[in-house]
Protein backbone atom coordinates (compact mmCIF):
# COMPACT_ATOMS: atom_id res chain seq x y z
CA GLU A 1 116.94 124.78 103.21
CA GLY A 2 116.07 125.57 99.57
CA LYS A 3 117.95 126.01 96.35
CA PHE A 4 119.95 129.23 96.17
CA SER A 5 118.80 131.75 93.60
CA LYS A 6 120.58 135.04 93.13
CA SER A 7 117.73 136.49 91.10
CA ARG A 8 115.15 135.62 93.79
CA GLY A 9 117.46 136.64 96.64
CA VAL A 10 117.46 133.17 98.16
CA GLY A 11 120.72 132.18 99.78
CA VAL A 12 123.69 133.52 101.66
CA PHE A 13 125.88 135.68 99.45
CA GLY A 14 129.23 137.39 100.01
CA ASP A 15 127.95 140.60 101.57
CA MET A 16 125.48 138.69 103.75
CA ALA A 17 128.18 136.24 104.88
CA LYS A 18 130.42 139.16 105.78
CA ASP A 19 127.65 140.78 107.82
CA THR A 20 127.25 137.63 109.97
CA GLY A 21 130.60 138.30 111.64
CA ILE A 22 131.63 134.70 111.01
CA PRO A 23 135.34 134.76 110.08
CA ALA A 24 136.13 134.19 106.41
CA ASP A 25 138.26 131.13 107.18
CA ILE A 26 135.25 129.37 108.71
CA TRP A 27 133.24 130.10 105.57
CA ARG A 28 136.14 128.85 103.42
CA PHE A 29 136.37 125.64 105.42
CA TYR A 30 132.63 125.00 105.24
CA LEU A 31 132.32 125.75 101.53
CA LEU A 32 135.26 123.51 100.72
CA TYR A 33 133.83 120.80 102.97
CA LEU A 34 130.51 120.93 101.09
CA ARG A 35 131.88 121.60 97.63
CA PRO A 36 129.59 120.11 95.03
CA GLU A 37 131.00 117.30 92.95
CA GLY A 38 128.57 117.37 90.05
CA GLN A 39 125.43 117.93 92.12
CA ASP A 40 123.82 120.64 94.21
CA SER A 41 124.82 121.11 97.84
CA ALA A 42 122.41 121.93 100.63
CA PHE A 43 123.17 124.74 103.07
CA SER A 44 121.77 125.11 106.56
CA TRP A 45 122.88 127.26 109.46
CA SER A 46 122.70 124.31 111.82
CA ASP A 47 124.97 122.26 109.55
CA LEU A 48 127.44 125.15 109.35
CA MET A 49 127.56 125.23 113.15
CA LEU A 50 127.83 121.44 113.41
CA LYS A 51 130.66 121.16 110.88
CA ASN A 52 132.51 124.09 112.45
CA ASN A 53 132.26 122.59 115.93
CA SER A 54 132.80 118.91 115.11
CA GLU A 55 135.03 118.85 112.06
CA LEU A 56 137.00 122.05 112.35
CA LEU A 57 137.29 122.81 116.05
CA ASN A 58 137.24 119.32 117.54
CA ASN A 59 139.32 117.52 114.92
CA LEU A 60 141.79 120.32 114.29
CA GLY A 61 142.03 121.07 118.01
CA ASN A 62 142.66 117.40 118.74
CA PHE A 63 145.37 117.25 116.06
CA ILE A 64 147.11 120.37 117.41
CA ASN A 65 146.90 119.08 120.98
CA ARG A 66 148.36 115.70 120.00
CA ALA A 67 151.17 117.33 118.03
CA GLY A 68 151.99 119.59 120.98
CA MET A 69 151.97 116.66 123.41
CA PHE A 70 154.24 114.68 121.06
CA VAL A 71 156.73 117.55 120.87
CA CYS A 72 156.71 117.93 124.66
CA LYS A 73 157.10 114.20 125.31
CA PHE A 74 159.81 113.41 122.77
CA PHE A 75 161.58 116.71 122.08
CA GLY A 76 161.49 118.58 125.38
CA GLY A 77 158.85 121.03 124.18
CA SER A 78 160.90 122.36 121.28
CA VAL A 79 160.77 121.32 117.64
CA PRO A 80 164.31 120.36 116.60
CA ASP A 81 166.03 121.89 113.60
CA MET A 82 165.26 120.05 110.41
CA VAL A 83 168.09 118.46 108.46
CA LEU A 84 167.06 117.78 104.87
CA THR A 85 168.49 114.88 102.92
CA PRO A 86 168.91 115.07 99.14
CA ASP A 87 165.73 112.96 98.81
CA ASP A 88 163.87 115.45 101.03
CA LYS A 89 165.02 118.33 98.85
CA ARG A 90 163.90 116.56 95.67
CA LEU A 91 160.49 115.87 97.22
CA LEU A 92 160.10 119.50 98.31
CA ALA A 93 161.05 120.68 94.81
CA ARG A 94 158.44 118.36 93.29
CA VAL A 95 155.74 119.47 95.76
CA THR A 96 156.59 123.13 95.08
CA LEU A 97 156.24 122.56 91.34
CA GLU A 98 152.89 120.78 91.77
CA LEU A 99 151.58 123.57 94.03
CA ARG A 100 152.58 126.23 91.51
CA GLN A 101 150.77 124.37 88.75
CA TYR A 102 147.74 123.90 91.01
CA HIS A 103 147.64 127.63 91.80
CA GLN A 104 147.94 128.50 88.10
CA LEU A 105 145.00 126.23 87.30
CA LEU A 106 142.94 127.76 90.12
CA GLU A 107 143.63 131.23 88.74
CA LYS A 108 142.23 130.15 85.36
CA VAL A 109 138.92 129.01 86.84
CA ARG A 110 135.93 131.11 85.78
CA TRP A 111 132.57 130.80 87.46
CA VAL A 112 129.64 130.55 85.09
CA ALA A 113 126.27 131.65 86.40
């Protein structure tokens, strides 16, 4: 419930997070969910649990369930083969280019303590 401080040992750091047994993807989700946008973020174990249960499990689970039900109802339980139009291919090429540039920019990020 306080401000993290590496020098004072206040906070949850990589080795401590690993020792909790909480899967890395849950930590990734939570940290991205709370990412600071020019201000400090507050961490609490109860909020981690709440966001995991409500945002990640409930919302993602609901989305997956709805998608599965849609496929069963309209496509006989099997996703049909995709046929790409020229417009689809151009869009995919553009998205691929943007993702590559995004990844390159992420690789250049340096954390300053």
